[in-house]
Amino acid sequence: MKAVSLREQLGSNTYPGRGIVLGRHADGEHAVIAYFIMGRSENSRNRVFVEDGAGIRTQAFDPQKLVDPSLIIYSPVKVVGDTTIVTNGDQTDTVEEYLKASKSFEEALRTRTFEPDPPNFTPRISGVLTGFDYKLSILKSADGNPESTHRYFYEYSNPLAGQGHLIHTYRQDGNPIPSFEGEPALVEISGDIGSFTDMLWESLNADNKVSLFTRFIHVKTGETQTRIVNKHN
């Protein structure tokens, strides 16, 4: 399978929803993380990313316009030891709790399901990265039927330089919005953190994009570079 361009993969989709990219930079030395959120409603669009310790959290840009915080206010990124957790919801906290108890990513997510937001039943997407190795997961309803949960796990050890994987919540826009299908997409990862961040942000639909987080981790030294872009500056 050939790695595809992130710009093309995201630029051709008006509403991938929320998305995670994990991988290894073309220089072979940096692990790479990206997480983005999009929104169609005023409530979903009324958000920004802010730093929170070694991770980030979402918060309302205008607190007076916040309607229901339950599915939009959470910590997308946390760090436990040398492992970075990134998810699209409060399952970040579940994974953190399990890792601290020496339990696994998979065990944590077996206690969770998709989001309770009919008729979309938005999938929960999650990832963990340790060194260059990473795992991704998606928890989905059974083709929109909430009576059954489908859990998918993908594990990538010693990824090739310049390659990563992208997973997102929705296949495309719609009513209801169809869930992501298939394996995470194999994507190219290159450029410095500034150009990588700019490329991702410019690739997301201008009307629907809300916030973007990127991080480069030098695996040998542990040095990190982080960028946050918010539509509401």
C-alpha atoms as a PDB file:
ATOM      1  CA  MET A   1       0.000   0.000   0.000  1.00  0.00           C
ATOM      2  CA  LYS A   2       1.336   3.423  -0.936  1.00  0.00           C
ATOM      3  CA  ALA A   3       1.203   6.291   1.541  1.00  0.00           C
ATOM      4  CA  VAL A   4      -1.151   9.080   0.451  1.00  0.00           C
ATOM      5  CA  SER A   5      -0.950  12.830   0.904  1.00  0.00           C
ATOM      6  CA  LEU A   6      -2.630  14.209   4.015  1.00  0.00           C
ATOM      7  CA  ARG A   7      -3.472  17.324   2.030  1.00  0.00           C
ATOM      8  CA  GLU A   8      -5.355  15.294  -0.571  1.00  0.00           C
ATOM      9  CA  GLN A   9      -6.947  12.953   1.972  1.00  0.00           C
ATOM     10  CA  LEU A  10      -8.389  15.791   4.058  1.00  0.00           C
ATOM     11  CA  GLY A  11      -8.806  18.423   1.373  1.00  0.00           C
ATOM     12  CA  SER A  12     -11.266  16.275  -0.564  1.00  0.00           C
ATOM     13  CA  ASN A  13     -13.551  15.769   2.471  1.00  0.00           C
ATOM     14  CA  THR A  14     -15.705  18.653   3.707  1.00  0.00           C
ATOM     15  CA  TYR A  15     -16.458  16.970   7.024  1.00  0.00           C
ATOM     16  CA  PRO A  16     -14.133  14.264   8.376  1.00  0.00           C
ATOM     17  CA  GLY A  17     -15.185  15.435  11.855  1.00  0.00           C
ATOM     18  CA  ARG A  18     -12.452  14.874  14.431  1.00  0.00           C
ATOM     19  CA  GLY A  19      -9.207  13.227  13.393  1.00  0.00           C
ATOM     20  CA  ILE A  20      -5.981  11.737  14.729  1.00  0.00           C
ATOM     21  CA  VAL A  21      -2.651  11.351  12.935  1.00  0.00           C
ATOM     22  CA  LEU A  22       0.177   9.310  14.485  1.00  0.00           C
ATOM     23  CA  GLY A  23       3.416   8.398  12.778  1.00  0.00           C
ATOM     24  CA  ARG A  24       7.160   8.732  12.266  1.00  0.00           C
ATOM     25  CA  HIS A  25       8.667  11.750  10.585  1.00  0.00           C
ATOM     26  CA  ALA A  26      10.668  11.443   7.368  1.00  0.00           C
ATOM     27  CA  ASP A  27      13.825  12.316   9.332  1.00  0.00           C
ATOM     28  CA  GLY A  28      13.442   9.031  11.209  1.00  0.00           C
ATOM     29  CA  GLU A  29      14.046  10.795  14.518  1.00  0.00           C
ATOM     30  CA  HIS A  30      10.703  12.365  15.489  1.00  0.00           C
ATOM     31  CA  ALA A  31       7.389  10.797  16.405  1.00  0.00           C
ATOM     32  CA  VAL A  32       4.483  12.928  15.163  1.00  0.00           C
ATOM     33  CA  ILE A  33       1.018  13.552  16.584  1.00  0.00           C
ATOM     34  CA  ALA A  34      -1.845  15.621  15.197  1.00  0.00           C
ATOM     35  CA  TYR A  35      -5.415  16.035  16.401  1.00  0.00           C
ATOM     36  CA  PHE A  36      -8.079  18.240  14.845  1.00  0.00           C
ATOM     37  CA  ILE A  37     -11.701  19.059  15.559  1.00  0.00           C
ATOM     38  CA  MET A  38     -14.413  20.365  13.265  1.00  0.00           C
ATOM     39  CA  GLY A  39     -18.002  21.464  13.883  1.00  0.00           C
ATOM     40  CA  ARG A  40     -21.277  22.176  12.147  1.00  0.00           C
ATOM     41  CA  SER A  41     -23.310  23.574  15.073  1.00  0.00           C
ATOM     42  CA  GLU A  42     -22.658  26.854  16.887  1.00  0.00           C
ATOM     43  CA  ASN A  43     -21.948  24.892  20.078  1.00  0.00           C
ATOM     44  CA  SER A  44     -19.341  22.683  18.385  1.00  0.00           C
ATOM     45  CA  ARG A  45     -17.693  25.659  16.716  1.00  0.00           C
ATOM     46  CA  ASN A  46     -17.512  27.624  19.965  1.00  0.00           C
ATOM     47  CA  ARG A  47     -14.294  25.915  21.114  1.00  0.00           C
ATOM     48  CA  VAL A  48     -10.562  26.403  21.349  1.00  0.00           C
ATOM     49  CA  PHE A  49      -7.624  24.215  22.363  1.00  0.00           C
ATOM     50  CA  VAL A  50      -5.555  25.386  25.335  1.00  0.00           C
ATOM     51  CA  GLU A  51      -2.437  23.839  26.847  1.00  0.00           C
ATOM     52  CA  ASP A  52      -2.968  21.869  30.053  1.00  0.00           C
ATOM     53  CA  GLY A  53       0.269  20.581  31.550  1.00  0.00           C
ATOM     54  CA  ALA A  54       1.874  18.228  29.048  1.00  0.00           C
ATOM     55  CA  GLY A  55      -1.446  17.888  27.214  1.00  0.00           C
ATOM     56  CA  ILE A  56      -4.321  20.040  26.019  1.00  0.00           C
ATOM     57  CA  ARG A  57      -8.002  20.540  26.762  1.00  0.00           C
ATOM     58  CA  THR A  58     -10.922  22.128  24.979  1.00  0.00           C
ATOM     59  CA  GLN A  59     -12.733  25.114  26.383  1.00  0.00           C
ATOM     60  CA  ALA A  60     -15.526  27.381  25.223  1.00  0.00           C
ATOM     61  CA  PHE A  61     -14.340  30.417  23.272  1.00  0.00           C
ATOM     62  CA  ASP A  62     -17.434  32.319  24.457  1.00  0.00           C
ATOM     63  CA  PRO A  63     -18.661  30.758  27.745  1.00  0.00           C
ATOM     64  CA  GLN A  64     -22.020  32.539  27.436  1.00  0.00           C
ATOM     65  CA  LYS A  65     -22.786  30.619  24.235  1.00  0.00           C
ATOM     66  CA  LEU A  66     -21.932  27.188  25.681  1.00  0.00           C
ATOM     67  CA  VAL A  67     -25.062  24.998  25.601  1.00  0.00           C
ATOM     68  CA  ASP A  68     -24.121  21.393  26.421  1.00  0.00           C
ATOM     69  CA  PRO A  69     -20.510  20.712  27.465  1.00  0.00           C
ATOM     70  CA  SER A  70     -20.877  16.937  27.825  1.00  0.00           C
ATOM     71  CA  LEU A  71     -19.414  15.890  24.452  1.00  0.00           C
ATOM     72  CA  ILE A  72     -17.387  18.952  23.490  1.00  0.00           C
ATOM     73  CA  ILE A  73     -15.399  19.848  26.635  1.00  0.00           C
ATOM     74  CA  TYR A  74     -12.707  17.260  27.387  1.00  0.00           C
ATOM     75  CA  SER A  75      -8.935  16.653  27.398  1.00  0.00           C
ATOM     76  CA  PRO A  76      -7.899  15.355  23.965  1.00  0.00           C
ATOM     77  CA  VAL A  77      -4.224  14.870  24.895  1.00  0.00           C
ATOM     78  CA  LYS A  78      -2.594  13.593  28.101  1.00  0.00           C
ATOM     79  CA  VAL A  79       0.823  12.120  28.865  1.00  0.00           C
ATOM     80  CA  VAL A  80       1.449   9.144  31.161  1.00  0.00           C
ATOM     81  CA  GLY A  81       5.151   8.395  31.583  1.00  0.00           C
ATOM     82  CA  ASP A  82       6.572   8.104  28.084  1.00  0.00           C
ATOM     83  CA  THR A  83       3.169   7.450  26.480  1.00  0.00           C
ATOM     84  CA  THR A  84       1.034  10.147  24.865  1.00  0.00           C
ATOM     85  CA  ILE A  85      -2.737   9.580  24.754  1.00  0.00           C
ATOM     86  CA  VAL A  86      -4.894  11.329  22.159  1.00  0.00           C
ATOM     87  CA  THR A  87      -8.658  10.837  21.776  1.00  0.00           C
ATOM     88  CA  ASN A  88     -11.789  12.639  20.665  1.00  0.00           C
ATOM     89  CA  GLY A  89     -13.572  12.526  24.026  1.00  0.00           C
ATOM     90  CA  ASP A  90     -13.518  11.818  27.730  1.00  0.00           C
ATOM     91  CA  GLN A  91     -12.165   8.329  27.038  1.00  0.00           C
ATOM     92  CA  THR A  92      -8.779  10.060  27.368  1.00  0.00           C
ATOM     93  CA  ASP A  93      -9.402   9.914  31.105  1.00  0.00           C
ATOM     94  CA  THR A  94     -10.332   6.225  30.946  1.00  0.00           C
ATOM     95  CA  VAL A  95      -7.156   5.329  29.065  1.00  0.00           C
ATOM     96  CA  GLU A  96      -5.085   7.431  31.479  1.00  0.00           C
ATOM     97  CA  GLU A  97      -6.624   5.644  34.481  1.00  0.00           C
ATOM     98  CA  TYR A  98      -5.923   2.201  33.011  1.00  0.00           C
ATOM     99  CA  LEU A  99      -2.343   2.982  31.983  1.00  0.00           C
ATOM    100  CA  LYS A 100      -1.577   4.300  35.458  1.00  0.00           C
ATOM    101  CA  ALA A 101      -2.917   1.009  36.832  1.00  0.00           C
ATOM    102  CA  SER A 102      -0.573  -0.949  34.482  1.00  0.00           C
ATOM    103  CA  LYS A 103      -3.521  -2.025  32.347  1.00  0.00           C
ATOM    104  CA  SER A 104      -3.779  -1.753  28.579  1.00  0.00           C
ATOM    105  CA  PHE A 105      -5.181   0.660  26.038  1.00  0.00           C
ATOM    106  CA  GLU A 106      -7.454  -2.121  24.776  1.00  0.00           C
ATOM    107  CA  GLU A 107      -8.751  -2.966  28.251  1.00  0.00           C
ATOM    108  CA  ALA A 108      -9.643   0.673  28.823  1.00  0.00           C
ATOM    109  CA  LEU A 109     -11.603   1.014  25.593  1.00  0.00           C
ATOM    110  CA  ARG A 110     -13.507  -2.223  26.113  1.00  0.00           C
ATOM    111  CA  THR A 111     -15.305  -0.364  28.889  1.00  0.00           C
ATOM    112  CA  ARG A 112     -16.463   2.366  26.476  1.00  0.00           C
ATOM    113  CA  THR A 113     -18.761   2.676  23.461  1.00  0.00           C
ATOM    114  CA  PHE A 114     -19.557   5.298  20.806  1.00  0.00           C
ATOM    115  CA  GLU A 115     -20.953   8.695  21.770  1.00  0.00           C
ATOM    116  CA  PRO A 116     -24.628   8.955  22.844  1.00  0.00           C
ATOM    117  CA  ASP A 117     -25.595  11.489  20.170  1.00  0.00           C
ATOM    118  CA  PRO A 118     -28.380   9.997  18.018  1.00  0.00           C
ATOM    119  CA  PRO A 119     -28.813   9.724  15.104  1.00  0.00           C
ATOM    120  CA  ASN A 120     -25.050  10.023  14.412  1.00  0.00           C
ATOM    121  CA  PHE A 121     -23.712   7.863  17.266  1.00  0.00           C
ATOM    122  CA  THR A 122     -20.328   9.452  16.657  1.00  0.00           C
ATOM    123  CA  PRO A 123     -17.444   6.962  16.888  1.00  0.00           C
ATOM    124  CA  ARG A 124     -14.873   7.323  19.633  1.00  0.00           C
ATOM    125  CA  ILE A 125     -11.401   7.424  18.097  1.00  0.00           C
ATOM    126  CA  SER A 126      -8.321   7.002  20.271  1.00  0.00           C
ATOM    127  CA  GLY A 127      -4.576   6.567  19.994  1.00  0.00           C
ATOM    128  CA  VAL A 128      -1.497   6.004  22.147  1.00  0.00           C
ATOM    129  CA  LEU A 129       2.112   6.604  21.141  1.00  0.00           C
ATOM    130  CA  THR A 130       5.227   5.308  22.940  1.00  0.00           C
ATOM    131  CA  GLY A 131       8.515   5.979  21.220  1.00  0.00           C
ATOM    132  CA  PHE A 132       7.755   5.399  17.551  1.00  0.00           C
ATOM    133  CA  ASP A 133       5.208   2.633  18.216  1.00  0.00           C
ATOM    134  CA  TYR A 134       1.545   3.513  18.256  1.00  0.00           C
ATOM    135  CA  LYS A 135      -1.955   2.101  18.425  1.00  0.00           C
ATOM    136  CA  LEU A 136      -5.246   3.435  17.071  1.00  0.00           C
ATOM    137  CA  SER A 137      -8.823   2.451  17.856  1.00  0.00           C
ATOM    138  CA  ILE A 138     -12.348   3.260  16.763  1.00  0.00           C
ATOM    139  CA  LEU A 139     -15.533   2.332  18.663  1.00  0.00           C
ATOM    140  CA  LYS A 140     -18.605   2.381  16.427  1.00  0.00           C
ATOM    141  CA  SER A 141     -22.274   1.514  16.432  1.00  0.00           C
ATOM    142  CA  ALA A 142     -23.436  -1.313  14.178  1.00  0.00           C
ATOM    143  CA  ASP A 143     -24.086   0.773  11.055  1.00  0.00           C
ATOM    144  CA  GLY A 144     -26.082   3.275  13.082  1.00  0.00           C
ATOM    145  CA  ASN A 145     -27.799   0.709  15.312  1.00  0.00           C
ATOM    146  CA  PRO A 146     -26.911   1.595  18.926  1.00  0.00           C
ATOM    147  CA  GLU A 147     -27.764  -1.863  20.259  1.00  0.00           C
ATOM    148  CA  SER A 148     -24.354  -3.198  19.187  1.00  0.00           C
ATOM    149  CA  THR A 149     -20.818  -1.846  19.599  1.00  0.00           C
ATOM    150  CA  HIS A 150     -18.008  -2.664  17.165  1.00  0.00           C
ATOM    151  CA  ARG A 151     -14.486  -2.131  18.543  1.00  0.00           C
ATOM    152  CA  TYR A 152     -11.492  -2.020  16.194  1.00  0.00           C
ATOM    153  CA  PHE A 153      -7.832  -1.876  17.254  1.00  0.00           C
ATOM    154  CA  TYR A 154      -4.774  -1.275  15.056  1.00  0.00           C
ATOM    155  CA  GLU A 155      -1.165  -1.624  16.200  1.00  0.00           C
ATOM    156  CA  TYR A 156       1.921  -0.288  14.406  1.00  0.00           C
ATOM    157  CA  SER A 157       5.427  -1.239  15.576  1.00  0.00           C
ATOM    158  CA  ASN A 158       8.595   0.448  14.305  1.00  0.00           C
ATOM    159  CA  PRO A 159       6.821   2.399  11.537  1.00  0.00           C
ATOM    160  CA  LEU A 160       8.829   3.394   8.494  1.00  0.00           C
ATOM    161  CA  ALA A 161      10.260   6.904   8.389  1.00  0.00           C
ATOM    162  CA  GLY A 162       7.921   9.314   6.637  1.00  0.00           C
ATOM    163  CA  GLN A 163       4.792   7.239   7.273  1.00  0.00           C
ATOM    164  CA  GLY A 164       1.874   7.490   9.657  1.00  0.00           C
ATOM    165  CA  HIS A 165      -1.836   6.740   9.896  1.00  0.00           C
ATOM    166  CA  LEU A 166      -4.930   8.923   9.870  1.00  0.00           C
ATOM    167  CA  ILE A 167      -8.267   8.003  11.412  1.00  0.00           C
ATOM    168  CA  HIS A 168     -11.299  10.281  11.707  1.00  0.00           C
ATOM    169  CA  THR A 169     -14.850  10.049  12.985  1.00  0.00           C
ATOM    170  CA  TYR A 170     -16.886  10.527   9.811  1.00  0.00           C
ATOM    171  CA  ARG A 171     -16.583   9.181   6.303  1.00  0.00           C
ATOM    172  CA  GLN A 172     -18.076  12.391   4.884  1.00  0.00           C
ATOM    173  CA  ASP A 173     -20.795  14.953   5.575  1.00  0.00           C
ATOM    174  CA  GLY A 174     -24.431  13.846   5.718  1.00  0.00           C
ATOM    175  CA  ASN A 175     -27.611  13.550   7.789  1.00  0.00           C
ATOM    176  CA  PRO A 176     -27.089  11.392   9.744  1.00  0.00           C
ATOM    177  CA  ILE A 177     -23.324  11.627   9.343  1.00  0.00           C
ATOM    178  CA  PRO A 178     -21.846   8.299   8.189  1.00  0.00           C
ATOM    179  CA  SER A 179     -19.129   6.844  10.415  1.00  0.00           C
ATOM    180  CA  PHE A 180     -15.559   6.258   9.263  1.00  0.00           C
ATOM    181  CA  GLU A 181     -15.063   2.903   7.536  1.00  0.00           C
ATOM    182  CA  GLY A 182     -12.057   0.684   6.908  1.00  0.00           C
ATOM    183  CA  GLU A 183      -8.505   0.776   8.221  1.00  0.00           C
ATOM    184  CA  PRO A 184      -6.734   4.014   9.135  1.00  0.00           C
ATOM    185  CA  ALA A 185      -5.256   5.624   6.019  1.00  0.00           C
ATOM    186  CA  LEU A 186      -1.501   5.283   5.457  1.00  0.00           C
ATOM    187  CA  VAL A 187      -0.225   8.853   5.044  1.00  0.00           C
ATOM    188  CA  GLU A 188       3.020  10.721   4.348  1.00  0.00           C
ATOM    189  CA  ILE A 189       4.650  12.750   7.129  1.00  0.00           C
ATOM    190  CA  SER A 190       7.351  15.319   6.351  1.00  0.00           C
ATOM    191  CA  GLY A 191       8.292  18.968   6.720  1.00  0.00           C
ATOM    192  CA  ASP A 192       9.153  20.934   9.856  1.00  0.00           C
ATOM    193  CA  ILE A 193       6.449  21.380  12.465  1.00  0.00           C
ATOM    194  CA  GLY A 194       5.490  24.785  11.094  1.00  0.00           C
ATOM    195  CA  SER A 195       4.940  23.619   7.521  1.00  0.00           C
ATOM    196  CA  PHE A 196       3.293  20.375   8.683  1.00  0.00           C
ATOM    197  CA  THR A 197       0.850  22.307  10.874  1.00  0.00           C
ATOM    198  CA  ASP A 198       0.109  24.857   8.150  1.00  0.00           C
ATOM    199  CA  MET A 199      -0.503  22.077   5.616  1.00  0.00           C
ATOM    200  CA  LEU A 200      -2.987  20.301   7.895  1.00  0.00           C
ATOM    201  CA  TRP A 201      -4.843  23.494   8.810  1.00  0.00           C
ATOM    202  CA  GLU A 202      -5.088  24.627   5.185  1.00  0.00           C
ATOM    203  CA  SER A 203      -6.347  21.168   4.157  1.00  0.00           C
ATOM    204  CA  LEU A 204      -9.346  21.268   6.502  1.00  0.00           C
ATOM    205  CA  ASN A 205     -12.603  22.741   5.223  1.00  0.00           C
ATOM    206  CA  ALA A 206     -12.589  26.479   5.931  1.00  0.00           C
ATOM    207  CA  ASP A 207     -16.202  26.602   7.162  1.00  0.00           C
ATOM    208  CA  ASN A 208     -16.070  23.569   9.449  1.00  0.00           C
ATOM    209  CA  LYS A 209     -12.565  23.524  10.952  1.00  0.00           C
ATOM    210  CA  VAL A 210     -12.289  24.600  14.595  1.00  0.00           C
ATOM    211  CA  SER A 211      -8.914  23.705  16.166  1.00  0.00           C
ATOM    212  CA  LEU A 212      -5.700  21.800  15.461  1.00  0.00           C
ATOM    213  CA  PHE A 213      -2.944  20.422  17.709  1.00  0.00           C
ATOM    214  CA  THR A 214       0.397  19.087  16.467  1.00  0.00           C
ATOM    215  CA  ARG A 215       3.420  17.737  18.311  1.00  0.00           C
ATOM    216  CA  PHE A 216       6.851  16.487  17.239  1.00  0.00           C
ATOM    217  CA  ILE A 217       8.714  14.340  19.802  1.00  0.00           C
ATOM    218  CA  HIS A 218      12.432  13.642  19.368  1.00  0.00           C
ATOM    219  CA  VAL A 219      12.436  10.026  20.502  1.00  0.00           C
ATOM    220  CA  LYS A 220      16.069   9.901  21.660  1.00  0.00           C
ATOM    221  CA  THR A 221      16.090  13.153  23.640  1.00  0.00           C
ATOM    222  CA  GLY A 222      12.401  13.484  24.550  1.00  0.00           C
ATOM    223  CA  GLU A 223      12.381  17.085  23.332  1.00  0.00           C
ATOM    224  CA  THR A 224       8.938  18.192  22.135  1.00  0.00           C
ATOM    225  CA  GLN A 225       7.680  20.881  19.792  1.00  0.00           C
ATOM    226  CA  THR A 226       3.976  21.759  19.995  1.00  0.00           C
ATOM    227  CA  ARG A 227       1.674  23.941  17.920  1.00  0.00           C
ATOM    228  CA  ILE A 228      -1.967  24.896  18.517  1.00  0.00           C
ATOM    229  CA  VAL A 229      -4.127  26.626  15.906  1.00  0.00           C
ATOM    230  CA  ASN A 230      -7.620  27.886  16.772  1.00  0.00           C
ATOM    231  CA  LYS A 231     -10.093  29.420  14.350  1.00  0.00           C
ATOM    232  CA  HIS A 232     -11.036  31.727  17.233  1.00  0.00           C
ATOM    233  CA  ASN A 233      -7.650  33.278  17.957  1.00  0.00           C
END
